[in-house]
Every structure is written in structure tokens, then in C-alpha cells.
Amino acid sequence: MRKQILMSLLTLGMLFQYLIAVPGAYGTDEGGGKYPYGGSREGEYGEKKEVLTPGDAEKKLRQYFSKRNVTIGEIREKELYFEAEVRDKDNKVIDKVIVDKRTGRIRSIY
């Protein structure tokens, strides 16, 4: 009986730690909203949607950042990804992101 109680407490403790750690995976915008880098707005998490051209990458980034007052800088093509700067209304670089060509996943590299 004692062993079951200890195991239950240990499991609850691990679950509690996980629930606290998950919010750290999200950034916040000026309005306090949360957005996960690497998430997808078009479908399920983990979907793979190729991004083949700089134009496709720009479209994806504009869609992803559509609710924020930012602009997308020049898109630079690399072997496996596209790279772009995200700028605020004062033209200050606030982030650098990549868009994976094979999956379409957006990740911050700043």
C-alpha cells in the first residue's frame, strides 16, 4: 500500500513538472499572445509540407506572422532551408528564422 502511494506521488510530481515546463516552449508577442515556433497553422502538428521556392517561404512566413506588426526581410536560400529576418515597425531585427525546405517547419535561429 505504501509503495503504491509513493509511486502515485512520484507520477503526479513528474506530471506537474511537465505541465510547468511546456509553457516555456512558447514565445509571446507584444500583446501577450502566445505562438509556438515550429507549429503549423494549416494542419496537424508534424505535418510535412515542402517549401520549394523563396516565394513559398515568404508566403508561409507572412501567414505565420500575420497577426503581428512585423515585416519579413530578404529571403536567403540555403541548401536545406530558407533564412529570413523578422523586423519590427521600426525596422529593427527582432528575430532570424529558417523555414525547412522538406517540412515547412519554421524555427528561430536568433
Protein backbone atom coordinates (compact mmCIF):
# COMPACT_ATOMS: atom_id res chain seq x y z
CA MET A 1 0.00 0.00 0.00
CA ARG A 2 2.80 2.39 0.93
CA LYS A 3 4.64 1.58 -2.27
CA GLN A 4 1.54 2.40 -4.35
CA ILE A 5 1.14 5.77 -2.62
CA LEU A 6 4.81 6.63 -3.23
CA MET A 7 4.55 5.64 -6.90
CA SER A 8 1.39 7.75 -7.28
CA LEU A 9 3.09 10.79 -5.72
CA LEU A 10 6.14 10.32 -7.94
CA THR A 11 3.95 10.10 -11.04
CA LEU A 12 1.99 13.21 -10.04
CA GLY A 13 5.24 15.09 -9.41
CA MET A 14 6.60 14.20 -12.83
CA LEU A 15 3.31 15.24 -14.47
CA PHE A 16 3.39 18.55 -12.60
CA GLN A 17 6.96 19.24 -13.79
CA TYR A 18 5.94 18.53 -17.38
CA LEU A 19 2.97 20.88 -17.19
CA ILE A 20 5.17 23.67 -15.85
CA ALA A 21 7.88 23.14 -18.49
CA VAL A 22 5.56 23.17 -21.53
CA PRO A 23 4.71 26.92 -21.41
CA GLY A 24 8.40 27.71 -21.82
CA ALA A 25 8.22 26.33 -25.37
CA TYR A 26 6.15 29.31 -26.43
CA GLY A 27 7.17 32.87 -27.25
CA THR A 28 4.99 35.87 -26.53
CA ASP A 29 4.21 38.79 -28.78
CA GLU A 30 3.73 42.43 -27.79
CA GLY A 31 0.07 41.83 -27.00
CA GLY A 32 0.85 38.95 -24.66
CA GLY A 33 -0.40 36.31 -27.12
CA LYS A 34 1.47 33.06 -27.38
CA TYR A 35 2.77 31.39 -30.53
CA PRO A 36 4.79 28.18 -30.80
CA TYR A 37 7.74 28.25 -33.18
CA GLY A 38 7.63 25.25 -35.42
CA GLY A 39 3.89 24.86 -35.08
CA SER A 40 1.59 24.64 -38.03
CA ARG A 41 -1.47 26.74 -38.69
CA GLU A 42 -2.58 24.72 -41.70
CA GLY A 43 -2.94 21.25 -40.24
CA GLU A 44 -1.81 18.85 -37.60
CA TYR A 45 1.48 19.08 -35.73
CA GLY A 46 4.19 17.17 -37.55
CA GLU A 47 2.67 17.53 -41.00
CA LYS A 48 5.17 17.78 -43.81
CA LYS A 49 4.57 20.38 -46.48
CA GLU A 50 7.52 21.12 -48.75
CA VAL A 51 8.57 24.70 -49.32
CA LEU A 52 10.27 24.78 -52.71
CA THR A 53 10.85 28.45 -53.57
CA PRO A 54 11.76 31.67 -51.75
CA GLY A 55 8.28 32.91 -52.68
CA ASP A 56 6.70 29.91 -50.92
CA ALA A 57 8.84 30.58 -47.84
CA GLU A 58 7.85 34.26 -47.80
CA LYS A 59 4.16 33.36 -48.13
CA LYS A 60 4.44 30.89 -45.25
CA LEU A 61 6.25 33.43 -43.04
CA ARG A 62 3.77 36.22 -43.83
CA GLN A 63 0.91 33.88 -42.95
CA TYR A 64 2.62 32.73 -39.76
CA PHE A 65 3.33 36.28 -38.56
CA SER A 66 0.10 37.80 -39.93
CA LYS A 67 -1.22 38.84 -36.51
CA ARG A 68 1.98 40.64 -35.53
CA ASN A 69 3.11 44.06 -36.67
CA VAL A 70 6.31 42.81 -38.35
CA THR A 71 7.86 42.66 -41.80
CA ILE A 72 9.77 39.81 -43.39
CA GLY A 73 13.22 40.74 -44.71
CA GLU A 74 15.07 39.29 -47.68
CA ILE A 75 14.71 35.53 -48.05
CA ARG A 76 18.09 33.79 -48.48
CA GLU A 77 18.14 30.28 -49.91
CA LYS A 78 20.47 27.71 -48.36
CA GLU A 79 20.87 24.03 -49.24
CA LEU A 80 18.28 22.68 -46.79
CA TYR A 81 16.34 25.76 -45.70
CA PHE A 82 15.38 29.36 -46.35
CA GLU A 83 16.56 32.07 -43.94
CA ALA A 84 14.88 35.41 -43.23
CA GLU A 85 14.99 38.30 -40.78
CA VAL A 86 11.84 39.38 -38.96
CA ARG A 87 11.73 43.14 -38.34
CA ASP A 88 9.51 45.29 -36.12
CA LYS A 89 7.73 48.51 -37.12
CA ASP A 90 10.98 50.46 -36.51
CA ASN A 91 12.83 48.14 -38.94
CA LYS A 92 14.82 46.63 -36.05
CA VAL A 93 15.68 42.92 -36.38
CA ILE A 94 13.72 41.09 -33.71
CA ASP A 95 14.29 37.54 -34.93
CA LYS A 96 16.01 35.42 -37.56
CA VAL A 97 14.12 32.36 -38.71
CA ILE A 98 14.60 29.43 -41.02
CA VAL A 99 11.99 27.52 -42.98
CA ASP A 100 12.91 23.89 -43.56
CA LYS A 101 12.54 23.04 -47.28
CA ARG A 102 11.40 19.45 -46.66
CA THR A 103 8.90 20.01 -43.86
CA GLY A 104 7.99 23.70 -43.92
CA ARG A 105 8.76 23.96 -40.23
CA ILE A 106 9.65 27.47 -39.00
CA ARG A 107 12.40 27.78 -36.38
CA SER A 108 14.06 30.72 -34.71
CA ILE A 109 17.87 30.92 -35.00
CA TYR A 110 18.35 34.31 -33.36
